[in-house]
Amino acid sequence: MSYYELAVERIKNIDANQYIGISNKRYEEVRSEGEYKADASLIAEYYRRVGVYLQFISKEVTSIYVGMDLLLGYKMADNEWDELLVTAPNYKEVDFYLMKLLTMHYLRWCNLLDSGNNIVLQFPDIYEPMIKLFERGGGRISTHHHELVGGFGAFSRSIDARRGDMKPFDISDKALELIIKEVEFAESYVVEYKRGNLSEKTCIRCGNRLLIQSNVTEHGYQWYKIKCESKGCFNNNFS
């Protein structure tokens, strides 16, 4: 199968029903904190790949809304949006604009791969992190002012070429599931700690000790930091 045909199959297999009316749902109705943490890794890896691409084509910055094909001078046809719904009729009721937009440019990118575009062939998987995000159900995303926001926190809507200097994020299914399990483990640690159980826990990633610290804001809001003794390992805040 061609790149485009494989892409169409992936898009058609996405359960678009989970995205209908998603913008009206609270973050906690859509994903767990662990899932949002995994989502953040996927988004960060997309930004990194775009950064590498920007460096290659000598551009300093782009927007999350700009397709990689457009940066090479390709234009969109007037009926592009209509064609997306013909190709992926399951998207008809989806009200998640960014998902539709990135999917459309992903399909256009795959067409360019099939055509043998020399630049595009060097970045065949640039859209993989975001398509994987949609496949996994990560779609409670919106834009506010100059940020892309969701249960994962916030990313700038602008993607800087310097993102390409970052180390790659592991977005394998195994790595993403480990992220989710780490957060779930830490959440259970907080629950036990609140109940008075002060026994220590060890990191499920490296085996070293997890440190837990209770904090109170000036307004009386209590939160907890859980950090692994290993530098650069688990480090997260919980309520």
C-alpha atoms as a PDB file:
ATOM      1  CA  MET A   1       0.000   0.000   0.000  1.00  0.00           C
ATOM      2  CA  SER A   2       1.083   3.574  -0.601  1.00  0.00           C
ATOM      3  CA  TYR A   3       1.786   6.065   2.189  1.00  0.00           C
ATOM      4  CA  TYR A   4      -1.520   7.760   1.410  1.00  0.00           C
ATOM      5  CA  GLU A   5      -3.535   4.533   1.430  1.00  0.00           C
ATOM      6  CA  LEU A   6      -2.055   3.503   4.770  1.00  0.00           C
ATOM      7  CA  ALA A   7      -2.799   6.966   6.171  1.00  0.00           C
ATOM      8  CA  VAL A   8      -6.424   6.800   5.037  1.00  0.00           C
ATOM      9  CA  GLU A   9      -6.824   3.423   6.756  1.00  0.00           C
ATOM     10  CA  ARG A  10      -5.447   4.831   9.995  1.00  0.00           C
ATOM     11  CA  ILE A  11      -7.735   7.852   9.889  1.00  0.00           C
ATOM     12  CA  LYS A  12     -10.807   5.782   9.132  1.00  0.00           C
ATOM     13  CA  ASN A  13     -10.017   3.514  12.091  1.00  0.00           C
ATOM     14  CA  ILE A  14      -9.990   6.398  14.574  1.00  0.00           C
ATOM     15  CA  ASP A  15     -13.120   6.328  16.739  1.00  0.00           C
ATOM     16  CA  ALA A  16     -14.295   9.829  15.892  1.00  0.00           C
ATOM     17  CA  ASN A  17     -17.355   9.468  18.157  1.00  0.00           C
ATOM     18  CA  GLN A  18     -15.158  10.116  21.189  1.00  0.00           C
ATOM     19  CA  TYR A  19     -14.408  13.584  19.828  1.00  0.00           C
ATOM     20  CA  ILE A  20     -17.991  14.710  19.207  1.00  0.00           C
ATOM     21  CA  GLY A  21     -18.811  17.477  21.681  1.00  0.00           C
ATOM     22  CA  ILE A  22     -15.425  17.100  23.340  1.00  0.00           C
ATOM     23  CA  SER A  23     -14.900  20.867  23.628  1.00  0.00           C
ATOM     24  CA  ASN A  24     -17.863  21.026  26.036  1.00  0.00           C
ATOM     25  CA  LYS A  25     -16.406  18.434  28.408  1.00  0.00           C
ATOM     26  CA  ARG A  26     -14.206  19.047  31.421  1.00  0.00           C
ATOM     27  CA  TYR A  27     -10.661  17.758  31.180  1.00  0.00           C
ATOM     28  CA  GLU A  28     -11.253  15.092  33.827  1.00  0.00           C
ATOM     29  CA  GLU A  29     -14.215  13.724  31.869  1.00  0.00           C
ATOM     30  CA  VAL A  30     -11.994  12.901  28.906  1.00  0.00           C
ATOM     31  CA  ARG A  31      -8.628  11.624  30.178  1.00  0.00           C
ATOM     32  CA  SER A  32      -6.881  10.605  33.363  1.00  0.00           C
ATOM     33  CA  GLU A  33      -3.899  12.605  34.604  1.00  0.00           C
ATOM     34  CA  GLY A  34      -1.616   9.789  33.474  1.00  0.00           C
ATOM     35  CA  GLU A  35      -3.088   9.812  29.977  1.00  0.00           C
ATOM     36  CA  TYR A  36      -2.600  13.563  29.749  1.00  0.00           C
ATOM     37  CA  LYS A  37       1.020  13.095  30.814  1.00  0.00           C
ATOM     38  CA  ALA A  38       1.468  10.624  27.937  1.00  0.00           C
ATOM     39  CA  ASP A  39      -0.309  13.051  25.607  1.00  0.00           C
ATOM     40  CA  ALA A  40       2.216  15.725  26.556  1.00  0.00           C
ATOM     41  CA  SER A  41       5.077  13.464  25.429  1.00  0.00           C
ATOM     42  CA  LEU A  42       3.407  12.968  22.059  1.00  0.00           C
ATOM     43  CA  ILE A  43       2.878  16.703  21.569  1.00  0.00           C
ATOM     44  CA  ALA A  44       6.435  17.482  22.693  1.00  0.00           C
ATOM     45  CA  GLU A  45       7.812  14.954  20.219  1.00  0.00           C
ATOM     46  CA  TYR A  46       5.760  16.497  17.406  1.00  0.00           C
ATOM     47  CA  TYR A  47       7.173  19.923  18.285  1.00  0.00           C
ATOM     48  CA  ARG A  48      10.682  18.452  18.308  1.00  0.00           C
ATOM     49  CA  ARG A  49      10.242  16.864  14.882  1.00  0.00           C
ATOM     50  CA  VAL A  50       8.834  20.077  13.469  1.00  0.00           C
ATOM     51  CA  GLY A  51      11.831  21.895  14.956  1.00  0.00           C
ATOM     52  CA  VAL A  52      14.238  19.572  13.139  1.00  0.00           C
ATOM     53  CA  TYR A  53      12.286  20.135   9.934  1.00  0.00           C
ATOM     54  CA  LEU A  54      12.338  23.916  10.395  1.00  0.00           C
ATOM     55  CA  GLN A  55      16.101  23.864  10.820  1.00  0.00           C
ATOM     56  CA  PHE A  56      16.431  21.825   7.639  1.00  0.00           C
ATOM     57  CA  ILE A  57      14.373  24.275   5.548  1.00  0.00           C
ATOM     58  CA  SER A  58      15.962  27.305   7.262  1.00  0.00           C
ATOM     59  CA  LYS A  59      12.838  28.665   8.956  1.00  0.00           C
ATOM     60  CA  GLU A  60      12.878  29.967  12.511  1.00  0.00           C
ATOM     61  CA  VAL A  61       9.288  29.420  13.582  1.00  0.00           C
ATOM     62  CA  THR A  62       5.877  28.221  12.480  1.00  0.00           C
ATOM     63  CA  SER A  63       2.390  27.871  13.951  1.00  0.00           C
ATOM     64  CA  ILE A  64       0.748  24.677  15.161  1.00  0.00           C
ATOM     65  CA  TYR A  65      -1.942  25.459  12.564  1.00  0.00           C
ATOM     66  CA  VAL A  66       0.400  25.565   9.574  1.00  0.00           C
ATOM     67  CA  GLY A  67       0.818  22.366   7.556  1.00  0.00           C
ATOM     68  CA  MET A  68       4.334  21.229   6.814  1.00  0.00           C
ATOM     69  CA  ASP A  69       3.430  21.055   3.113  1.00  0.00           C
ATOM     70  CA  LEU A  70       2.521  24.746   3.123  1.00  0.00           C
ATOM     71  CA  LEU A  71       6.014  25.614   4.343  1.00  0.00           C
ATOM     72  CA  LEU A  72       7.317  24.148   1.090  1.00  0.00           C
ATOM     73  CA  GLY A  73       5.069  26.411  -0.962  1.00  0.00           C
ATOM     74  CA  TYR A  74       2.191  24.024  -1.661  1.00  0.00           C
ATOM     75  CA  LYS A  75      -1.296  25.524  -1.776  1.00  0.00           C
ATOM     76  CA  MET A  76      -4.629  24.212  -0.563  1.00  0.00           C
ATOM     77  CA  ALA A  77      -7.489  23.710  -2.999  1.00  0.00           C
ATOM     78  CA  ASP A  78     -10.809  25.439  -2.291  1.00  0.00           C
ATOM     79  CA  ASN A  79     -12.520  22.081  -1.752  1.00  0.00           C
ATOM     80  CA  GLU A  80      -9.835  20.668   0.578  1.00  0.00           C
ATOM     81  CA  TRP A  81     -12.099  20.544   3.647  1.00  0.00           C
ATOM     82  CA  ASP A  82     -14.909  18.889   1.689  1.00  0.00           C
ATOM     83  CA  GLU A  83     -12.501  16.275   0.369  1.00  0.00           C
ATOM     84  CA  LEU A  84     -11.399  15.438   3.914  1.00  0.00           C
ATOM     85  CA  LEU A  85     -14.969  14.487   4.819  1.00  0.00           C
ATOM     86  CA  VAL A  86     -15.253  12.375   1.675  1.00  0.00           C
ATOM     87  CA  THR A  87     -12.051  10.552   2.607  1.00  0.00           C
ATOM     88  CA  ALA A  88     -12.926  10.298   6.305  1.00  0.00           C
ATOM     89  CA  PRO A  89     -16.729  10.491   6.696  1.00  0.00           C
ATOM     90  CA  ASN A  90     -16.305   9.531  10.355  1.00  0.00           C
ATOM     91  CA  TYR A  91     -15.013  13.092  10.898  1.00  0.00           C
ATOM     92  CA  LYS A  92     -18.277  14.718   9.846  1.00  0.00           C
ATOM     93  CA  GLU A  93     -19.583  15.444  13.364  1.00  0.00           C
ATOM     94  CA  VAL A  94     -16.188  16.057  14.972  1.00  0.00           C
ATOM     95  CA  ASP A  95     -15.925  19.610  16.338  1.00  0.00           C
ATOM     96  CA  PHE A  96     -12.200  19.406  17.089  1.00  0.00           C
ATOM     97  CA  TYR A  97     -10.698  21.817  14.556  1.00  0.00           C
ATOM     98  CA  LEU A  98      -7.016  21.075  15.210  1.00  0.00           C
ATOM     99  CA  MET A  99      -7.584  17.351  14.753  1.00  0.00           C
ATOM    100  CA  LYS A 100      -9.255  17.902  11.377  1.00  0.00           C
ATOM    101  CA  LEU A 101      -6.580  20.346  10.258  1.00  0.00           C
ATOM    102  CA  LEU A 102      -3.585  18.199  11.182  1.00  0.00           C
ATOM    103  CA  THR A 103      -5.248  15.125   9.700  1.00  0.00           C
ATOM    104  CA  MET A 104      -5.778  16.943   6.421  1.00  0.00           C
ATOM    105  CA  HIS A 105      -2.130  18.034   6.255  1.00  0.00           C
ATOM    106  CA  TYR A 106      -1.008  14.541   7.264  1.00  0.00           C
ATOM    107  CA  LEU A 107      -2.845  13.137   4.235  1.00  0.00           C
ATOM    108  CA  ARG A 108      -1.348  15.828   2.007  1.00  0.00           C
ATOM    109  CA  TRP A 109       2.110  14.988   3.367  1.00  0.00           C
ATOM    110  CA  CYS A 110       1.581  11.313   2.538  1.00  0.00           C
ATOM    111  CA  ASN A 111       0.644  12.266  -1.020  1.00  0.00           C
ATOM    112  CA  LEU A 112       3.944  14.115  -1.285  1.00  0.00           C
ATOM    113  CA  LEU A 113       5.761  11.052   0.078  1.00  0.00           C
ATOM    114  CA  ASP A 114       4.181   8.955  -2.664  1.00  0.00           C
ATOM    115  CA  SER A 115       5.209  11.511  -5.261  1.00  0.00           C
ATOM    116  CA  GLY A 116       8.854  11.156  -4.187  1.00  0.00           C
ATOM    117  CA  ASN A 117       9.411  14.715  -2.958  1.00  0.00           C
ATOM    118  CA  ASN A 118      13.080  14.797  -1.898  1.00  0.00           C
ATOM    119  CA  ILE A 119      12.552  16.979   1.179  1.00  0.00           C
ATOM    120  CA  VAL A 120       9.413  15.230   2.370  1.00  0.00           C
ATOM    121  CA  LEU A 121      11.072  11.811   2.063  1.00  0.00           C
ATOM    122  CA  GLN A 122      13.567  12.894   4.720  1.00  0.00           C
ATOM    123  CA  PHE A 123      10.730  13.494   7.200  1.00  0.00           C
ATOM    124  CA  PRO A 124       8.259  10.656   6.552  1.00  0.00           C
ATOM    125  CA  ASP A 125       7.062  10.376  10.155  1.00  0.00           C
ATOM    126  CA  ILE A 126       6.804  14.033  11.129  1.00  0.00           C
ATOM    127  CA  TYR A 127       3.056  13.741  11.833  1.00  0.00           C
ATOM    128  CA  GLU A 128       3.275  10.380  13.614  1.00  0.00           C
ATOM    129  CA  PRO A 129       3.117  11.773  17.197  1.00  0.00           C
ATOM    130  CA  MET A 130      -0.090  13.738  16.586  1.00  0.00           C
ATOM    131  CA  ILE A 131      -1.829  10.998  14.621  1.00  0.00           C
ATOM    132  CA  LYS A 132      -0.936   8.578  17.404  1.00  0.00           C
ATOM    133  CA  LEU A 133      -2.357  11.080  19.900  1.00  0.00           C
ATOM    134  CA  PHE A 134      -5.691  11.087  18.071  1.00  0.00           C
ATOM    135  CA  GLU A 135      -5.686   7.301  17.775  1.00  0.00           C
ATOM    136  CA  ARG A 136      -5.191   6.994  21.533  1.00  0.00           C
ATOM    137  CA  GLY A 137      -8.078   9.343  22.335  1.00  0.00           C
ATOM    138  CA  GLY A 138      -6.076  12.443  23.272  1.00  0.00           C
ATOM    139  CA  GLY A 139      -8.234  15.243  22.008  1.00  0.00           C
ATOM    140  CA  ARG A 140      -9.258  17.610  24.778  1.00  0.00           C
ATOM    141  CA  ILE A 141      -7.166  20.403  23.280  1.00  0.00           C
ATOM    142  CA  SER A 142      -8.016  24.034  22.620  1.00  0.00           C
ATOM    143  CA  THR A 143      -6.225  27.319  22.098  1.00  0.00           C
ATOM    144  CA  HIS A 144      -6.258  30.217  24.495  1.00  0.00           C
ATOM    145  CA  HIS A 145      -4.421  33.415  23.678  1.00  0.00           C
ATOM    146  CA  HIS A 146      -1.023  32.193  22.430  1.00  0.00           C
ATOM    147  CA  GLU A 147      -1.117  28.704  23.907  1.00  0.00           C
ATOM    148  CA  LEU A 148      -2.271  25.218  23.067  1.00  0.00           C
ATOM    149  CA  VAL A 149      -3.936  24.074  26.281  1.00  0.00           C
ATOM    150  CA  GLY A 150      -5.319  20.829  27.663  1.00  0.00           C
ATOM    151  CA  GLY A 151      -5.226  18.546  30.662  1.00  0.00           C
ATOM    152  CA  PHE A 152      -1.510  18.149  29.929  1.00  0.00           C
ATOM    153  CA  GLY A 153      -0.820  21.832  30.626  1.00  0.00           C
ATOM    154  CA  ALA A 154       0.128  24.235  27.855  1.00  0.00           C
ATOM    155  CA  PHE A 155       2.346  24.499  24.785  1.00  0.00           C
ATOM    156  CA  SER A 156       3.048  27.595  22.763  1.00  0.00           C
ATOM    157  CA  ARG A 157       1.049  27.805  19.539  1.00  0.00           C
ATOM    158  CA  SER A 158       4.313  28.804  17.885  1.00  0.00           C
ATOM    159  CA  ILE A 159       6.834  26.039  17.226  1.00  0.00           C
ATOM    160  CA  ASP A 160      10.409  27.304  17.334  1.00  0.00           C
ATOM    161  CA  ALA A 161      13.194  25.711  15.298  1.00  0.00           C
ATOM    162  CA  ARG A 162      15.174  25.357  18.541  1.00  0.00           C
ATOM    163  CA  ARG A 163      12.779  22.584  19.515  1.00  0.00           C
ATOM    164  CA  GLY A 164      14.798  20.468  17.141  1.00  0.00           C
ATOM    165  CA  ASP A 165      17.742  20.587  19.546  1.00  0.00           C
ATOM    166  CA  MET A 166      15.865  18.548  22.144  1.00  0.00           C
ATOM    167  CA  LYS A 167      16.439  14.849  22.688  1.00  0.00           C
ATOM    168  CA  PRO A 168      13.792  12.612  21.090  1.00  0.00           C
ATOM    169  CA  PHE A 169      10.869  11.565  23.269  1.00  0.00           C
ATOM    170  CA  ASP A 170      10.088   7.854  23.354  1.00  0.00           C
ATOM    171  CA  ILE A 171       6.528   7.570  22.014  1.00  0.00           C
ATOM    172  CA  SER A 172       6.378   3.802  21.725  1.00  0.00           C
ATOM    173  CA  ASP A 173       3.234   2.224  23.159  1.00  0.00           C
ATOM    174  CA  LYS A 174       5.362   0.665  25.900  1.00  0.00           C
ATOM    175  CA  ALA A 175       6.833   4.030  26.931  1.00  0.00           C
ATOM    176  CA  LEU A 176       3.460   5.780  26.900  1.00  0.00           C
ATOM    177  CA  GLU A 177       1.840   3.058  28.997  1.00  0.00           C
ATOM    178  CA  LEU A 178       4.721   3.310  31.478  1.00  0.00           C
ATOM    179  CA  ILE A 179       4.064   7.042  31.845  1.00  0.00           C
ATOM    180  CA  ILE A 180       0.420   6.317  32.639  1.00  0.00           C
ATOM    181  CA  LYS A 181       1.330   3.619  35.173  1.00  0.00           C
ATOM    182  CA  GLU A 182       3.851   5.935  36.877  1.00  0.00           C
ATOM    183  CA  VAL A 183       1.215   8.608  37.412  1.00  0.00           C
ATOM    184  CA  GLU A 184      -1.368   6.092  38.623  1.00  0.00           C
ATOM    185  CA  PHE A 185       1.205   4.699  41.055  1.00  0.00           C
ATOM    186  CA  ALA A 186       2.023   8.186  42.326  1.00  0.00           C
ATOM    187  CA  GLU A 187      -1.677   9.027  42.703  1.00  0.00           C
ATOM    188  CA  SER A 188      -2.181   5.950  44.876  1.00  0.00           C
ATOM    189  CA  TYR A 189       0.892   7.013  46.897  1.00  0.00           C
ATOM    190  CA  VAL A 190      -0.734  10.384  47.609  1.00  0.00           C
ATOM    191  CA  VAL A 191      -3.977   8.712  48.683  1.00  0.00           C
ATOM    192  CA  GLU A 192      -2.121   6.471  51.151  1.00  0.00           C
ATOM    193  CA  TYR A 193      -0.026   9.394  52.411  1.00  0.00           C
ATOM    194  CA  LYS A 194      -3.170  11.428  53.132  1.00  0.00           C
ATOM    195  CA  ARG A 195      -4.503   8.505  55.148  1.00  0.00           C
ATOM    196  CA  GLY A 196      -1.398   8.557  57.342  1.00  0.00           C
ATOM    197  CA  ASN A 197       0.569   5.756  55.686  1.00  0.00           C
ATOM    198  CA  LEU A 198       4.144   7.100  55.692  1.00  0.00           C
ATOM    199  CA  SER A 199       5.816   3.998  54.240  1.00  0.00           C
ATOM    200  CA  GLU A 200       8.228   4.731  51.409  1.00  0.00           C
ATOM    201  CA  LYS A 201       7.650   3.841  47.758  1.00  0.00           C
ATOM    202  CA  THR A 202      10.153   3.144  45.014  1.00  0.00           C
ATOM    203  CA  CYS A 203      10.047   4.374  41.424  1.00  0.00           C
ATOM    204  CA  ILE A 204       8.646   1.766  39.020  1.00  0.00           C
ATOM    205  CA  ARG A 205      10.975   3.071  36.317  1.00  0.00           C
ATOM    206  CA  CYS A 206      14.381   2.948  38.026  1.00  0.00           C
ATOM    207  CA  GLY A 207      13.763   1.388  41.455  1.00  0.00           C
ATOM    208  CA  ASN A 208      15.130   4.303  43.464  1.00  0.00           C
ATOM    209  CA  ARG A 209      13.224   5.968  46.287  1.00  0.00           C
ATOM    210  CA  LEU A 210      10.317   8.298  45.623  1.00  0.00           C
ATOM    211  CA  LEU A 211      10.297  11.411  47.788  1.00  0.00           C
ATOM    212  CA  ILE A 212       6.939  12.947  48.732  1.00  0.00           C
ATOM    213  CA  GLN A 213       6.519  16.461  50.035  1.00  0.00           C
ATOM    214  CA  SER A 214       3.354  18.151  51.263  1.00  0.00           C
ATOM    215  CA  ASN A 215       2.908  21.821  50.369  1.00  0.00           C
ATOM    216  CA  VAL A 216       0.284  24.437  51.195  1.00  0.00           C
ATOM    217  CA  THR A 217      -0.280  27.628  49.211  1.00  0.00           C
ATOM    218  CA  GLU A 218      -0.919  30.991  50.836  1.00  0.00           C
ATOM    219  CA  HIS A 219      -4.619  30.451  50.131  1.00  0.00           C
ATOM    220  CA  GLY A 220      -4.670  27.150  52.017  1.00  0.00           C
ATOM    221  CA  TYR A 221      -4.663  24.842  49.002  1.00  0.00           C
ATOM    222  CA  GLN A 222      -2.710  21.661  49.706  1.00  0.00           C
ATOM    223  CA  TRP A 223      -0.692  19.865  47.060  1.00  0.00           C
ATOM    224  CA  TYR A 224       2.015  17.210  46.937  1.00  0.00           C
ATOM    225  CA  LYS A 225       5.262  16.835  45.025  1.00  0.00           C
ATOM    226  CA  ILE A 226       6.506  13.349  44.240  1.00  0.00           C
ATOM    227  CA  LYS A 227      10.038  13.171  42.921  1.00  0.00           C
ATOM    228  CA  CYS A 228      12.359  10.277  42.200  1.00  0.00           C
ATOM    229  CA  GLU A 229      15.845  10.402  43.715  1.00  0.00           C
ATOM    230  CA  SER A 230      17.255   9.698  40.255  1.00  0.00           C
ATOM    231  CA  LYS A 231      17.981  12.928  38.436  1.00  0.00           C
ATOM    232  CA  GLY A 232      15.729  13.491  35.443  1.00  0.00           C
ATOM    233  CA  CYS A 233      13.370  10.668  36.375  1.00  0.00           C
ATOM    234  CA  PHE A 234       9.830  11.007  37.800  1.00  0.00           C
ATOM    235  CA  ASN A 235       8.863  14.469  39.057  1.00  0.00           C
ATOM    236  CA  ASN A 236       5.235  15.516  39.287  1.00  0.00           C
ATOM    237  CA  ASN A 237       2.748  17.463  41.407  1.00  0.00           C
ATOM    238  CA  PHE A 238      -0.589  16.181  42.663  1.00  0.00           C
ATOM    239  CA  SER A 239      -3.544  17.625  44.525  1.00  0.00           C
END
